[in-house]
Amino acid sequence: MAKKKEKDPEAVAIGRRIKQARLGRKMTQEKLAEEAETSIQFLSQLENGEQTMTMVKFGKLVTALRVSSDYLLFGRSGLSDKAALAAEFMAEMTPIRQELMAQTVADMTAAMEAIRPENEGYER
């Protein structure tokens, strides 16, 4: 019996970020595969950490997902660590929960602005 090949942890992590970005954009695998000029089967293998890709395919995928290469490769999005963590957390939520969370944050921000003393200087 052939031994099952272990998945590369980096490929698994990249695959997870691809899937999170795709779901965050509310894209199906079919739509992403079409925009990235690849097959659904290949995209599925990428998301499951079973496959790696060429730089050309990587570039097409980054463009189709509208994310940075740093995000897909390393999980860095140019945001602060807390913001990136929040974005990853929300990407795993259902669309209705995402909307509820976004509204909660907007309401909290408005409440904080309303009670902020006028002379308190801070940058957003």
PDB file of N, CA and C in Angstrom:
ATOM      1  N   MET A   1       0.836  -1.169   0.000  1.00  0.00           N
ATOM      2  CA  MET A   1       0.000   0.000   0.000  1.00  0.00           C
ATOM      3  C   MET A   1       0.890   1.244   0.000  1.00  0.00           C
ATOM      4  N   ALA A   2       0.588   2.206  -0.888  1.00  0.00           N
ATOM      5  CA  ALA A   2       1.388   3.427  -1.002  1.00  0.00           C
ATOM      6  C   ALA A   2       1.118   4.350   0.176  1.00  0.00           C
ATOM      7  N   LYS A   3       2.199   4.919   0.696  1.00  0.00           N
ATOM      8  CA  LYS A   3       2.084   5.837   1.807  1.00  0.00           C
ATOM      9  C   LYS A   3       1.554   7.180   1.305  1.00  0.00           C
ATOM     10  N   LYS A   4       0.555   7.751   2.007  1.00  0.00           N
ATOM     11  CA  LYS A   4      -0.018   9.024   1.618  1.00  0.00           C
ATOM     12  C   LYS A   4       0.998  10.141   1.857  1.00  0.00           C
ATOM     13  N   LYS A   5       1.197  10.957   0.842  1.00  0.00           N
ATOM     14  CA  LYS A   5       2.154  12.052   0.918  1.00  0.00           C
ATOM     15  C   LYS A   5       1.638  13.119   1.887  1.00  0.00           C
ATOM     16  N   GLU A   6       2.515  13.558   2.804  1.00  0.00           N
ATOM     17  CA  GLU A   6       2.126  14.607   3.744  1.00  0.00           C
ATOM     18  C   GLU A   6       2.084  15.947   3.028  1.00  0.00           C
ATOM     19  N   LYS A   7       1.120  16.786   3.423  1.00  0.00           N
ATOM     20  CA  LYS A   7       0.993  18.112   2.833  1.00  0.00           C
ATOM     21  C   LYS A   7       2.040  19.041   3.433  1.00  0.00           C
ATOM     22  N   ASP A   8       2.566  19.902   2.602  1.00  0.00           N
ATOM     23  CA  ASP A   8       3.507  20.924   3.043  1.00  0.00           C
ATOM     24  C   ASP A   8       2.722  21.956   3.861  1.00  0.00           C
ATOM     25  N   PRO A   9       3.145  22.239   5.097  1.00  0.00           N
ATOM     26  CA  PRO A   9       2.413  23.199   5.940  1.00  0.00           C
ATOM     27  C   PRO A   9       2.276  24.583   5.295  1.00  0.00           C
ATOM     28  N   GLU A  10       3.288  24.999   4.545  1.00  0.00           N
ATOM     29  CA  GLU A  10       3.208  26.297   3.868  1.00  0.00           C
ATOM     30  C   GLU A  10       2.139  26.272   2.773  1.00  0.00           C
ATOM     31  N   ALA A  11       2.065  25.188   2.032  1.00  0.00           N
ATOM     32  CA  ALA A  11       1.051  25.063   0.978  1.00  0.00           C
ATOM     33  C   ALA A  11      -0.341  25.052   1.594  1.00  0.00           C
ATOM     34  N   VAL A  12      -0.487  24.408   2.746  1.00  0.00           N
ATOM     35  CA  VAL A  12      -1.778  24.368   3.445  1.00  0.00           C
ATOM     36  C   VAL A  12      -2.174  25.777   3.889  1.00  0.00           C
ATOM     37  N   ALA A  13      -1.212  26.519   4.450  1.00  0.00           N
ATOM     38  CA  ALA A  13      -1.489  27.879   4.918  1.00  0.00           C
ATOM     39  C   ALA A  13      -1.859  28.797   3.749  1.00  0.00           C
ATOM     40  N   ILE A  14      -1.136  28.687   2.648  1.00  0.00           N
ATOM     41  CA  ILE A  14      -1.447  29.498   1.466  1.00  0.00           C
ATOM     42  C   ILE A  14      -2.824  29.120   0.939  1.00  0.00           C
ATOM     43  N   GLY A  15      -3.113  27.842   0.886  1.00  0.00           N
ATOM     44  CA  GLY A  15      -4.427  27.383   0.428  1.00  0.00           C
ATOM     45  C   GLY A  15      -5.552  27.924   1.280  1.00  0.00           C
ATOM     46  N   ARG A  16      -5.333  27.953   2.585  1.00  0.00           N
ATOM     47  CA  ARG A  16      -6.350  28.478   3.506  1.00  0.00           C
ATOM     48  C   ARG A  16      -6.578  29.968   3.230  1.00  0.00           C
ATOM     49  N   ARG A  17      -5.486  30.713   2.984  1.00  0.00           N
ATOM     50  CA  ARG A  17      -5.634  32.144   2.698  1.00  0.00           C
ATOM     51  C   ARG A  17      -6.310  32.375   1.341  1.00  0.00           C
ATOM     52  N   ILE A  18      -6.026  31.528   0.376  1.00  0.00           N
ATOM     53  CA  ILE A  18      -6.711  31.638  -0.921  1.00  0.00           C
ATOM     54  C   ILE A  18      -8.210  31.469  -0.717  1.00  0.00           C
ATOM     55  N   LYS A  19      -8.572  30.443   0.025  1.00  0.00           N
ATOM     56  CA  LYS A  19      -9.993  30.180   0.260  1.00  0.00           C
ATOM     57  C   LYS A  19     -10.643  31.325   1.035  1.00  0.00           C
ATOM     58  N   GLN A  20      -9.966  31.841   2.062  1.00  0.00           N
ATOM     59  CA  GLN A  20     -10.518  32.955   2.841  1.00  0.00           C
ATOM     60  C   GLN A  20     -10.714  34.190   1.965  1.00  0.00           C
ATOM     61  N   ALA A  21      -9.741  34.469   1.118  1.00  0.00           N
ATOM     62  CA  ALA A  21      -9.857  35.629   0.225  1.00  0.00           C
ATOM     63  C   ALA A  21     -11.005  35.422  -0.761  1.00  0.00           C
ATOM     64  N   ARG A  22     -11.119  34.215  -1.287  1.00  0.00           N
ATOM     65  CA  ARG A  22     -12.196  33.916  -2.240  1.00  0.00           C
ATOM     66  C   ARG A  22     -13.554  34.082  -1.579  1.00  0.00           C
ATOM     67  N   LEU A  23     -13.716  33.512  -0.385  1.00  0.00           N
ATOM     68  CA  LEU A  23     -14.988  33.623   0.323  1.00  0.00           C
ATOM     69  C   LEU A  23     -15.263  35.062   0.746  1.00  0.00           C
ATOM     70  N   GLY A  24     -14.209  35.773   1.114  1.00  0.00           N
ATOM     71  CA  GLY A  24     -14.364  37.184   1.478  1.00  0.00           C
ATOM     72  C   GLY A  24     -14.865  38.021   0.313  1.00  0.00           C
ATOM     73  N   ARG A  25     -14.537  37.621  -0.884  1.00  0.00           N
ATOM     74  CA  ARG A  25     -14.995  38.308  -2.097  1.00  0.00           C
ATOM     75  C   ARG A  25     -16.300  37.705  -2.615  1.00  0.00           C
ATOM     76  N   LYS A  26     -16.829  36.737  -1.865  1.00  0.00           N
ATOM     77  CA  LYS A  26     -18.078  36.051  -2.235  1.00  0.00           C
ATOM     78  C   LYS A  26     -17.989  35.436  -3.638  1.00  0.00           C
ATOM     79  N   MET A  27     -16.831  34.811  -3.889  1.00  0.00           N
ATOM     80  CA  MET A  27     -16.600  34.169  -5.183  1.00  0.00           C
ATOM     81  C   MET A  27     -16.722  32.660  -5.034  1.00  0.00           C
ATOM     82  N   THR A  28     -17.270  32.024  -6.031  1.00  0.00           N
ATOM     83  CA  THR A  28     -17.266  30.567  -6.079  1.00  0.00           C
ATOM     84  C   THR A  28     -15.919  30.123  -6.631  1.00  0.00           C
ATOM     85  N   GLN A  29     -15.620  28.844  -6.453  1.00  0.00           N
ATOM     86  CA  GLN A  29     -14.398  28.315  -7.061  1.00  0.00           C
ATOM     87  C   GLN A  29     -14.474  28.456  -8.574  1.00  0.00           C
ATOM     88  N   GLU A  30     -15.650  28.267  -9.121  1.00  0.00           N
ATOM     89  CA  GLU A  30     -15.832  28.368 -10.568  1.00  0.00           C
ATOM     90  C   GLU A  30     -15.481  29.764 -11.061  1.00  0.00           C
ATOM     91  N   LYS A  31     -15.977  30.798 -10.357  1.00  0.00           N
ATOM     92  CA  LYS A  31     -15.730  32.184 -10.767  1.00  0.00           C
ATOM     93  C   LYS A  31     -14.245  32.524 -10.643  1.00  0.00           C
ATOM     94  N   LEU A  32     -13.624  32.123  -9.523  1.00  0.00           N
ATOM     95  CA  LEU A  32     -12.200  32.409  -9.337  1.00  0.00           C
ATOM     96  C   LEU A  32     -11.363  31.673 -10.370  1.00  0.00           C
ATOM     97  N   ALA A  33     -11.681  30.423 -10.630  1.00  0.00           N
ATOM     98  CA  ALA A  33     -10.930  29.655 -11.623  1.00  0.00           C
ATOM     99  C   ALA A  33     -11.010  30.335 -12.992  1.00  0.00           C
ATOM    100  N   GLU A  34     -12.193  30.830 -13.328  1.00  0.00           N
ATOM    101  CA  GLU A  34     -12.370  31.519 -14.610  1.00  0.00           C
ATOM    102  C   GLU A  34     -11.524  32.792 -14.653  1.00  0.00           C
ATOM    103  N   GLU A  35     -11.596  33.604 -13.597  1.00  0.00           N
ATOM    104  CA  GLU A  35     -10.863  34.875 -13.586  1.00  0.00           C
ATOM    105  C   GLU A  35      -9.344  34.670 -13.516  1.00  0.00           C
ATOM    106  N   ALA A  36      -8.913  33.592 -12.856  1.00  0.00           N
ATOM    107  CA  ALA A  36      -7.482  33.314 -12.734  1.00  0.00           C
ATOM    108  C   ALA A  36      -6.966  32.434 -13.875  1.00  0.00           C
ATOM    109  N   GLU A  37      -7.845  32.116 -14.813  1.00  0.00           N
ATOM    110  CA  GLU A  37      -7.492  31.301 -15.980  1.00  0.00           C
ATOM    111  C   GLU A  37      -6.874  29.964 -15.578  1.00  0.00           C
ATOM    112  N   THR A  38      -7.577  29.271 -14.688  1.00  0.00           N
ATOM    113  CA  THR A  38      -7.131  27.944 -14.258  1.00  0.00           C
ATOM    114  C   THR A  38      -8.351  27.040 -14.128  1.00  0.00           C
ATOM    115  N   SER A  39      -8.130  25.808 -13.732  1.00  0.00           N
ATOM    116  CA  SER A  39      -9.252  24.877 -13.606  1.00  0.00           C
ATOM    117  C   SER A  39      -9.781  24.858 -12.172  1.00  0.00           C
ATOM    118  N   ILE A  40     -11.021  24.468 -12.035  1.00  0.00           N
ATOM    119  CA  ILE A  40     -11.634  24.334 -10.714  1.00  0.00           C
ATOM    120  C   ILE A  40     -10.894  23.260  -9.921  1.00  0.00           C
ATOM    121  N   GLN A  41     -10.535  22.174 -10.574  1.00  0.00           N
ATOM    122  CA  GLN A  41      -9.821  21.087  -9.900  1.00  0.00           C
ATOM    123  C   GLN A  41      -8.490  21.575  -9.337  1.00  0.00           C
ATOM    124  N   PHE A  42      -7.736  22.342 -10.128  1.00  0.00           N
ATOM    125  CA  PHE A  42      -6.454  22.864  -9.664  1.00  0.00           C
ATOM    126  C   PHE A  42      -6.657  23.821  -8.496  1.00  0.00           C
ATOM    127  N   LEU A  43      -7.655  24.690  -8.592  1.00  0.00           N
ATOM    128  CA  LEU A  43      -7.947  25.632  -7.520  1.00  0.00           C
ATOM    129  C   LEU A  43      -8.321  24.891  -6.237  1.00  0.00           C
ATOM    130  N   SER A  44      -9.114  23.852  -6.354  1.00  0.00           N
ATOM    131  CA  SER A  44      -9.487  23.042  -5.197  1.00  0.00           C
ATOM    132  C   SER A  44      -8.252  22.415  -4.545  1.00  0.00           C
ATOM    133  N   GLN A  45      -7.350  21.916  -5.371  1.00  0.00           N
ATOM    134  CA  GLN A  45      -6.115  21.323  -4.851  1.00  0.00           C
ATOM    135  C   GLN A  45      -5.258  22.372  -4.146  1.00  0.00           C
ATOM    136  N   LEU A  46      -5.222  23.592  -4.696  1.00  0.00           N
ATOM    137  CA  LEU A  46      -4.488  24.681  -4.041  1.00  0.00           C
ATOM    138  C   LEU A  46      -5.093  24.987  -2.677  1.00  0.00           C
ATOM    139  N   GLU A  47      -6.408  25.147  -2.642  1.00  0.00           N
ATOM    140  CA  GLU A  47      -7.085  25.492  -1.392  1.00  0.00           C
ATOM    141  C   GLU A  47      -6.904  24.416  -0.328  1.00  0.00           C
ATOM    142  N   ASN A  48      -6.749  23.187  -0.757  1.00  0.00           N
ATOM    143  CA  ASN A  48      -6.568  22.074   0.181  1.00  0.00           C
ATOM    144  C   ASN A  48      -5.096  21.804   0.510  1.00  0.00           C
ATOM    145  N   GLY A  49      -4.211  22.621  -0.036  1.00  0.00           N
ATOM    146  CA  GLY A  49      -2.788  22.462   0.243  1.00  0.00           C
ATOM    147  C   GLY A  49      -2.169  21.244  -0.414  1.00  0.00           C
ATOM    148  N   GLU A  50      -2.816  20.748  -1.453  1.00  0.00           N
ATOM    149  CA  GLU A  50      -2.347  19.548  -2.145  1.00  0.00           C
ATOM    150  C   GLU A  50      -1.500  19.873  -3.372  1.00  0.00           C
ATOM    151  N   GLN A  51      -1.414  21.154  -3.718  1.00  0.00           N
ATOM    152  CA  GLN A  51      -0.752  21.551  -4.952  1.00  0.00           C
ATOM    153  C   GLN A  51      -0.034  22.878  -4.734  1.00  0.00           C
ATOM    154  N   THR A  52       0.997  23.131  -5.503  1.00  0.00           N
ATOM    155  CA  THR A  52       1.658  24.431  -5.528  1.00  0.00           C
ATOM    156  C   THR A  52       1.498  24.988  -6.935  1.00  0.00           C
ATOM    157  N   MET A  53       1.978  26.220  -7.150  1.00  0.00           N
ATOM    158  CA  MET A  53       1.735  26.832  -8.454  1.00  0.00           C
ATOM    159  C   MET A  53       2.961  27.569  -8.964  1.00  0.00           C
ATOM    160  N   THR A  54       2.943  27.832 -10.253  1.00  0.00           N
ATOM    161  CA  THR A  54       4.004  28.620 -10.872  1.00  0.00           C
ATOM    162  C   THR A  54       3.784  30.089 -10.521  1.00  0.00           C
ATOM    163  N   MET A  55       4.802  30.893 -10.753  1.00  0.00           N
ATOM    164  CA  MET A  55       4.691  32.331 -10.516  1.00  0.00           C
ATOM    165  C   MET A  55       3.634  32.961 -11.416  1.00  0.00           C
ATOM    166  N   VAL A  56       3.495  32.470 -12.620  1.00  0.00           N
ATOM    167  CA  VAL A  56       2.492  33.009 -13.538  1.00  0.00           C
ATOM    168  C   VAL A  56       1.093  32.768 -12.980  1.00  0.00           C
ATOM    169  N   LYS A  57       0.831  31.538 -12.558  1.00  0.00           N
ATOM    170  CA  LYS A  57      -0.483  31.224 -11.974  1.00  0.00           C
ATOM    171  C   LYS A  57      -0.703  32.016 -10.686  1.00  0.00           C
ATOM    172  N   PHE A  58       0.358  32.144  -9.891  1.00  0.00           N
ATOM    173  CA  PHE A  58       0.272  32.902  -8.649  1.00  0.00           C
ATOM    174  C   PHE A  58      -0.130  34.351  -8.946  1.00  0.00           C
ATOM    175  N   GLY A  59       0.496  34.956  -9.936  1.00  0.00           N
ATOM    176  CA  GLY A  59       0.168  36.331 -10.318  1.00  0.00           C
ATOM    177  C   GLY A  59      -1.272  36.484 -10.764  1.00  0.00           C
ATOM    178  N   LYS A  60      -1.753  35.533 -11.530  1.00  0.00           N
ATOM    179  CA  LYS A  60      -3.142  35.587 -11.991  1.00  0.00           C
ATOM    180  C   LYS A  60      -4.112  35.427 -10.826  1.00  0.00           C
ATOM    181  N   LEU A  61      -3.743  34.593  -9.874  1.00  0.00           N
ATOM    182  CA  LEU A  61      -4.592  34.354  -8.709  1.00  0.00           C
ATOM    183  C   LEU A  61      -4.654  35.603  -7.819  1.00  0.00           C
ATOM    184  N   VAL A  62      -3.503  36.211  -7.572  1.00  0.00           N
ATOM    185  CA  VAL A  62      -3.447  37.432  -6.761  1.00  0.00           C
ATOM    186  C   VAL A  62      -4.298  38.528  -7.414  1.00  0.00           C
ATOM    187  N   THR A  63      -4.184  38.660  -8.728  1.00  0.00           N
ATOM    188  CA  THR A  63      -4.947  39.668  -9.456  1.00  0.00           C
ATOM    189  C   THR A  63      -6.444  39.390  -9.379  1.00  0.00           C
ATOM    190  N   ALA A  64      -6.835  38.144  -9.581  1.00  0.00           N
ATOM    191  CA  ALA A  64      -8.255  37.786  -9.551  1.00  0.00           C
ATOM    192  C   ALA A  64      -8.860  37.979  -8.163  1.00  0.00           C
ATOM    193  N   LEU A  65      -8.076  37.697  -7.134  1.00  0.00           N
ATOM    194  CA  LEU A  65      -8.576  37.837  -5.756  1.00  0.00           C
ATOM    195  C   LEU A  65      -8.473  39.275  -5.244  1.00  0.00           C
ATOM    196  N   ARG A  66      -7.672  40.097  -5.934  1.00  0.00           N
ATOM    197  CA  ARG A  66      -7.415  41.465  -5.509  1.00  0.00           C
ATOM    198  C   ARG A  66      -6.826  41.513  -4.100  1.00  0.00           C
ATOM    199  N   VAL A  67      -5.801  40.696  -3.894  1.00  0.00           N
ATOM    200  CA  VAL A  67      -5.063  40.690  -2.635  1.00  0.00           C
ATOM    201  C   VAL A  67      -3.585  40.870  -2.960  1.00  0.00           C
ATOM    202  N   SER A  68      -2.810  41.146  -1.927  1.00  0.00           N
ATOM    203  CA  SER A  68      -1.370  41.287  -2.152  1.00  0.00           C
ATOM    204  C   SER A  68      -0.704  39.918  -2.163  1.00  0.00           C
ATOM    205  N   SER A  69       0.424  39.848  -2.816  1.00  0.00           N
ATOM    206  CA  SER A  69       1.188  38.597  -2.807  1.00  0.00           C
ATOM    207  C   SER A  69       1.669  38.310  -1.384  1.00  0.00           C
ATOM    208  N   ASP A  70       1.985  39.358  -0.616  1.00  0.00           N
ATOM    209  CA  ASP A  70       2.383  39.175   0.784  1.00  0.00           C
ATOM    210  C   ASP A  70       1.287  38.487   1.585  1.00  0.00           C
ATOM    211  N   TYR A  71       0.046  38.846   1.299  1.00  0.00           N
ATOM    212  CA  TYR A  71      -1.052  38.216   2.032  1.00  0.00           C
ATOM    213  C   TYR A  71      -1.099  36.715   1.737  1.00  0.00           C
ATOM    214  N   LEU A  72      -1.084  36.359   0.462  1.00  0.00           N
ATOM    215  CA  LEU A  72      -1.181  34.931   0.140  1.00  0.00           C
ATOM    216  C   LEU A  72       0.029  34.147   0.622  1.00  0.00           C
ATOM    217  N   LEU A  73       1.217  34.702   0.459  1.00  0.00           N
ATOM    218  CA  LEU A  73       2.423  33.970   0.841  1.00  0.00           C
ATOM    219  C   LEU A  73       2.651  33.918   2.347  1.00  0.00           C
ATOM    220  N   PHE A  74       2.464  35.046   3.015  1.00  0.00           N
ATOM    221  CA  PHE A  74       2.863  35.134   4.417  1.00  0.00           C
ATOM    222  C   PHE A  74       1.741  35.516   5.382  1.00  0.00           C
ATOM    223  N   GLY A  75       0.569  35.833   4.858  1.00  0.00           N
ATOM    224  CA  GLY A  75      -0.532  36.248   5.720  1.00  0.00           C
ATOM    225  C   GLY A  75      -0.459  37.711   6.111  1.00  0.00           C
ATOM    226  N   ARG A  76       0.467  38.464   5.508  1.00  0.00           N
ATOM    227  CA  ARG A  76       0.600  39.893   5.810  1.00  0.00           C
ATOM    228  C   ARG A  76      -0.195  40.677   4.779  1.00  0.00           C
ATOM    229  N   SER A  77      -1.014  41.579   5.272  1.00  0.00           N
ATOM    230  CA  SER A  77      -1.839  42.338   4.339  1.00  0.00           C
ATOM    231  C   SER A  77      -1.513  43.818   4.319  1.00  0.00           C
ATOM    232  N   GLY A  78      -0.493  44.235   5.038  1.00  0.00           N
ATOM    233  CA  GLY A  78      -0.193  45.649   5.105  1.00  0.00           C
ATOM    234  C   GLY A  78      -0.976  46.331   6.213  1.00  0.00           C
ATOM    235  N   LEU A  79      -1.865  45.595   6.834  1.00  0.00           N
ATOM    236  CA  LEU A  79      -2.618  46.118   7.966  1.00  0.00           C
ATOM    237  C   LEU A  79      -1.864  45.786   9.237  1.00  0.00           C
ATOM    238  N   SER A  80      -2.273  46.382  10.325  1.00  0.00           N
ATOM    239  CA  SER A  80      -1.670  46.009  11.597  1.00  0.00           C
ATOM    240  C   SER A  80      -2.036  44.561  11.899  1.00  0.00           C
ATOM    241  N   ASP A  81      -1.298  43.939  12.792  1.00  0.00           N
ATOM    242  CA  ASP A  81      -1.574  42.548  13.144  1.00  0.00           C
ATOM    243  C   ASP A  81      -3.003  42.372  13.645  1.00  0.00           C
ATOM    244  N   LYS A  82      -3.483  43.317  14.449  1.00  0.00           N
ATOM    245  CA  LYS A  82      -4.850  43.213  14.984  1.00  0.00           C
ATOM    246  C   LYS A  82      -5.881  43.314  13.870  1.00  0.00           C
ATOM    247  N   ALA A  83      -5.657  44.218  12.935  1.00  0.00           N
ATOM    248  CA  ALA A  83      -6.592  44.368  11.822  1.00  0.00           C
ATOM    249  C   ALA A  83      -6.581  43.128  10.935  1.00  0.00           C
ATOM    250  N   ALA A  84      -5.400  42.571  10.700  1.00  0.00           N
ATOM    251  CA  ALA A  84      -5.299  41.358   9.882  1.00  0.00           C
ATOM    252  C   ALA A  84      -5.998  40.191  10.571  1.00  0.00           C
ATOM    253  N   LEU A  85      -5.828  40.099  11.887  1.00  0.00           N
ATOM    254  CA  LEU A  85      -6.496  39.041  12.645  1.00  0.00           C
ATOM    255  C   LEU A  85      -8.010  39.201  12.564  1.00  0.00           C
ATOM    256  N   ALA A  86      -8.491  40.424  12.702  1.00  0.00           N
ATOM    257  CA  ALA A  86      -9.930  40.682  12.613  1.00  0.00           C
ATOM    258  C   ALA A  86     -10.456  40.333  11.223  1.00  0.00           C
ATOM    259  N   ALA A  87      -9.683  40.678  10.186  1.00  0.00           N
ATOM    260  CA  ALA A  87     -10.099  40.376   8.819  1.00  0.00           C
ATOM    261  C   ALA A  87     -10.182  38.868   8.593  1.00  0.00           C
ATOM    262  N   GLU A  88      -9.203  38.128   9.103  1.00  0.00           N
ATOM    263  CA  GLU A  88      -9.237  36.669   8.960  1.00  0.00           C
ATOM    264  C   GLU A  88     -10.419  36.082   9.721  1.00  0.00           C
ATOM    265  N   PHE A  89     -10.668  36.604  10.918  1.00  0.00           N
ATOM    266  CA  PHE A  89     -11.795  36.134  11.727  1.00  0.00           C
ATOM    267  C   PHE A  89     -13.112  36.372  10.991  1.00  0.00           C
ATOM    268  N   MET A  90     -13.274  37.570  10.442  1.00  0.00           N
ATOM    269  CA  MET A  90     -14.518  37.891   9.742  1.00  0.00           C
ATOM    270  C   MET A  90     -14.667  37.104   8.444  1.00  0.00           C
ATOM    271  N   ALA A  91     -13.563  36.789   7.791  1.00  0.00           N
ATOM    272  CA  ALA A  91     -13.632  36.032   6.536  1.00  0.00           C
ATOM    273  C   ALA A  91     -14.220  34.645   6.744  1.00  0.00           C
ATOM    274  N   GLU A  92     -14.090  34.134   7.957  1.00  0.00           N
ATOM    275  CA  GLU A  92     -14.618  32.810   8.256  1.00  0.00           C
ATOM    276  C   GLU A  92     -16.089  32.841   8.670  1.00  0.00           C
ATOM    277  N   MET A  93     -16.653  34.047   8.853  1.00  0.00           N
ATOM    278  CA  MET A  93     -18.053  34.189   9.260  1.00  0.00           C
ATOM    279  C   MET A  93     -18.988  34.050   8.056  1.00  0.00           C
ATOM    280  N   THR A  94     -20.229  33.740   8.362  1.00  0.00           N
ATOM    281  CA  THR A  94     -21.244  33.737   7.308  1.00  0.00           C
ATOM    282  C   THR A  94     -21.501  35.186   6.895  1.00  0.00           C
ATOM    283  N   PRO A  95     -22.029  35.415   5.697  1.00  0.00           N
ATOM    284  CA  PRO A  95     -22.280  36.790   5.258  1.00  0.00           C
ATOM    285  C   PRO A  95     -23.166  37.591   6.222  1.00  0.00           C
ATOM    286  N   ILE A  96     -24.179  36.972   6.786  1.00  0.00           N
ATOM    287  CA  ILE A  96     -25.052  37.712   7.703  1.00  0.00           C
ATOM    288  C   ILE A  96     -24.312  38.096   8.979  1.00  0.00           C
ATOM    289  N   ARG A  97     -23.447  37.215   9.470  1.00  0.00           N
ATOM    290  CA  ARG A  97     -22.662  37.548  10.662  1.00  0.00           C
ATOM    291  C   ARG A  97     -21.639  38.633  10.344  1.00  0.00           C
ATOM    292  N   GLN A  98     -21.081  38.601   9.134  1.00  0.00           N
ATOM    293  CA  GLN A  98     -20.157  39.656   8.731  1.00  0.00           C
ATOM    294  C   GLN A  98     -20.861  41.009   8.748  1.00  0.00           C
ATOM    295  N   GLU A  99     -22.069  41.043   8.215  1.00  0.00           N
ATOM    296  CA  GLU A  99     -22.838  42.286   8.184  1.00  0.00           C
ATOM    297  C   GLU A  99     -23.158  42.767   9.594  1.00  0.00           C
ATOM    298  N   LEU A 100     -23.557  41.854  10.461  1.00  0.00           N
ATOM    299  CA  LEU A 100     -23.853  42.220  11.851  1.00  0.00           C
ATOM    300  C   LEU A 100     -22.605  42.753  12.562  1.00  0.00           C
ATOM    301  N   MET A 101     -21.479  42.113  12.341  1.00  0.00           N
ATOM    302  CA  MET A 101     -20.235  42.557  12.965  1.00  0.00           C
ATOM    303  C   MET A 101     -19.841  43.937  12.437  1.00  0.00           C
ATOM    304  N   ALA A 102     -19.944  44.143  11.141  1.00  0.00           N
ATOM    305  CA  ALA A 102     -19.597  45.434  10.552  1.00  0.00           C
ATOM    306  C   ALA A 102     -20.495  46.533  11.125  1.00  0.00           C
ATOM    307  N   GLN A 103     -21.783  46.252  11.268  1.00  0.00           N
ATOM    308  CA  GLN A 103     -22.702  47.247  11.820  1.00  0.00           C
ATOM    309  C   GLN A 103     -22.382  47.536  13.284  1.00  0.00           C
ATOM    310  N   THR A 104     -22.025  46.498  14.039  1.00  0.00           N
ATOM    311  CA  THR A 104     -21.654  46.675  15.442  1.00  0.00           C
ATOM    312  C   THR A 104     -20.433  47.570  15.573  1.00  0.00           C
ATOM    313  N   VAL A 105     -19.422  47.323  14.747  1.00  0.00           N
ATOM    314  CA  VAL A 105     -18.210  48.140  14.771  1.00  0.00           C
ATOM    315  C   VAL A 105     -18.533  49.581  14.387  1.00  0.00           C
ATOM    316  N   ALA A 106     -19.371  49.775  13.378  1.00  0.00           N
ATOM    317  CA  ALA A 106     -19.756  51.131  12.971  1.00  0.00           C
ATOM    318  C   ALA A 106     -20.494  51.844  14.098  1.00  0.00           C
ATOM    319  N   ASP A 107     -21.404  51.142  14.762  1.00  0.00           N
ATOM    320  CA  ASP A 107     -22.147  51.729  15.879  1.00  0.00           C
ATOM    321  C   ASP A 107     -21.215  52.091  17.032  1.00  0.00           C
ATOM    322  N   MET A 108     -20.262  51.205  17.349  1.00  0.00           N
ATOM    323  CA  MET A 108     -19.318  51.480  18.427  1.00  0.00           C
ATOM    324  C   MET A 108     -18.434  52.676  18.092  1.00  0.00           C
ATOM    325  N   THR A 109     -18.005  52.769  16.853  1.00  0.00           N
ATOM    326  CA  THR A 109     -17.171  53.886  16.422  1.00  0.00           C
ATOM    327  C   THR A 109     -17.935  55.200  16.550  1.00  0.00           C
ATOM    328  N   ALA A 110     -19.188  55.207  16.131  1.00  0.00           N
ATOM    329  CA  ALA A 110     -20.016  56.414  16.242  1.00  0.00           C
ATOM    330  C   ALA A 110     -20.213  56.799  17.708  1.00  0.00           C
ATOM    331  N   ALA A 111     -20.447  55.827  18.579  1.00  0.00           N
ATOM    332  CA  ALA A 111     -20.625  56.099  20.006  1.00  0.00           C
ATOM    333  C   ALA A 111     -19.349  56.673  20.608  1.00  0.00           C
ATOM    334  N   MET A 112     -18.202  56.128  20.233  1.00  0.00           N
ATOM    335  CA  MET A 112     -16.931  56.623  20.753  1.00  0.00           C
ATOM    336  C   MET A 112     -16.665  58.042  20.267  1.00  0.00           C
ATOM    337  N   GLU A 113     -17.007  58.343  19.036  1.00  0.00           N
ATOM    338  CA  GLU A 113     -16.842  59.690  18.495  1.00  0.00           C
ATOM    339  C   GLU A 113     -17.740  60.677  19.246  1.00  0.00           C
ATOM    340  N   ALA A 114     -18.944  60.247  19.584  1.00  0.00           N
ATOM    341  CA  ALA A 114     -19.902  61.120  20.255  1.00  0.00           C
ATOM    342  C   ALA A 114     -19.451  61.502  21.660  1.00  0.00           C
ATOM    343  N   ILE A 115     -18.705  60.633  22.326  1.00  0.00           N
ATOM    344  CA  ILE A 115     -18.285  60.935  23.698  1.00  0.00           C
ATOM    345  C   ILE A 115     -16.852  61.426  23.795  1.00  0.00           C
ATOM    346  N   ARG A 116     -16.153  61.515  22.698  1.00  0.00           N
ATOM    347  CA  ARG A 116     -14.760  61.950  22.704  1.00  0.00           C
ATOM    348  C   ARG A 116     -14.684  63.434  23.006  1.00  0.00           C
ATOM    349  N   PRO A 117     -13.871  63.810  23.988  1.00  0.00           N
ATOM    350  CA  PRO A 117     -13.701  65.247  24.269  1.00  0.00           C
ATOM    351  C   PRO A 117     -13.120  65.952  23.045  1.00  0.00           C
ATOM    352  N   GLU A 118     -13.565  67.178  22.841  1.00  0.00           N
ATOM    353  CA  GLU A 118     -13.144  67.954  21.662  1.00  0.00           C
ATOM    354  C   GLU A 118     -11.636  68.195  21.636  1.00  0.00           C
ATOM    355  N   ASN A 119     -11.023  68.355  22.793  1.00  0.00           N
ATOM    356  CA  ASN A 119      -9.593  68.672  22.803  1.00  0.00           C
ATOM    357  C   ASN A 119      -8.718  67.437  22.745  1.00  0.00           C
ATOM    358  N   GLU A 120      -9.307  66.269  22.691  1.00  0.00           N
ATOM    359  CA  GLU A 120      -8.507  65.033  22.621  1.00  0.00           C
ATOM    360  C   GLU A 120      -8.043  64.847  21.189  1.00  0.00           C
ATOM    361  N   GLY A 121      -6.761  64.999  20.993  1.00  0.00           N
ATOM    362  CA  GLY A 121      -6.224  64.868  19.638  1.00  0.00           C
ATOM    363  C   GLY A 121      -5.719  63.454  19.402  1.00  0.00           C
ATOM    364  N   TYR A 122      -6.156  62.863  18.345  1.00  0.00           N
ATOM    365  CA  TYR A 122      -5.650  61.561  17.946  1.00  0.00           C
ATOM    366  C   TYR A 122      -5.833  61.395  16.460  1.00  0.00           C
ATOM    367  N   GLU A 123      -5.037  60.527  15.920  1.00  0.00           N
ATOM    368  CA  GLU A 123      -5.142  60.239  14.487  1.00  0.00           C
ATOM    369  C   GLU A 123      -5.875  58.939  14.300  1.00  0.00           C
ATOM    370  N   ARG A 124      -6.643  58.856  13.259  1.00  0.00           N
ATOM    371  CA  ARG A 124      -7.390  57.633  12.983  1.00  0.00           C
ATOM    372  C   ARG A 124      -6.527  56.655  12.267  1.00  0.00           C
TER     373      ARG A 124
END
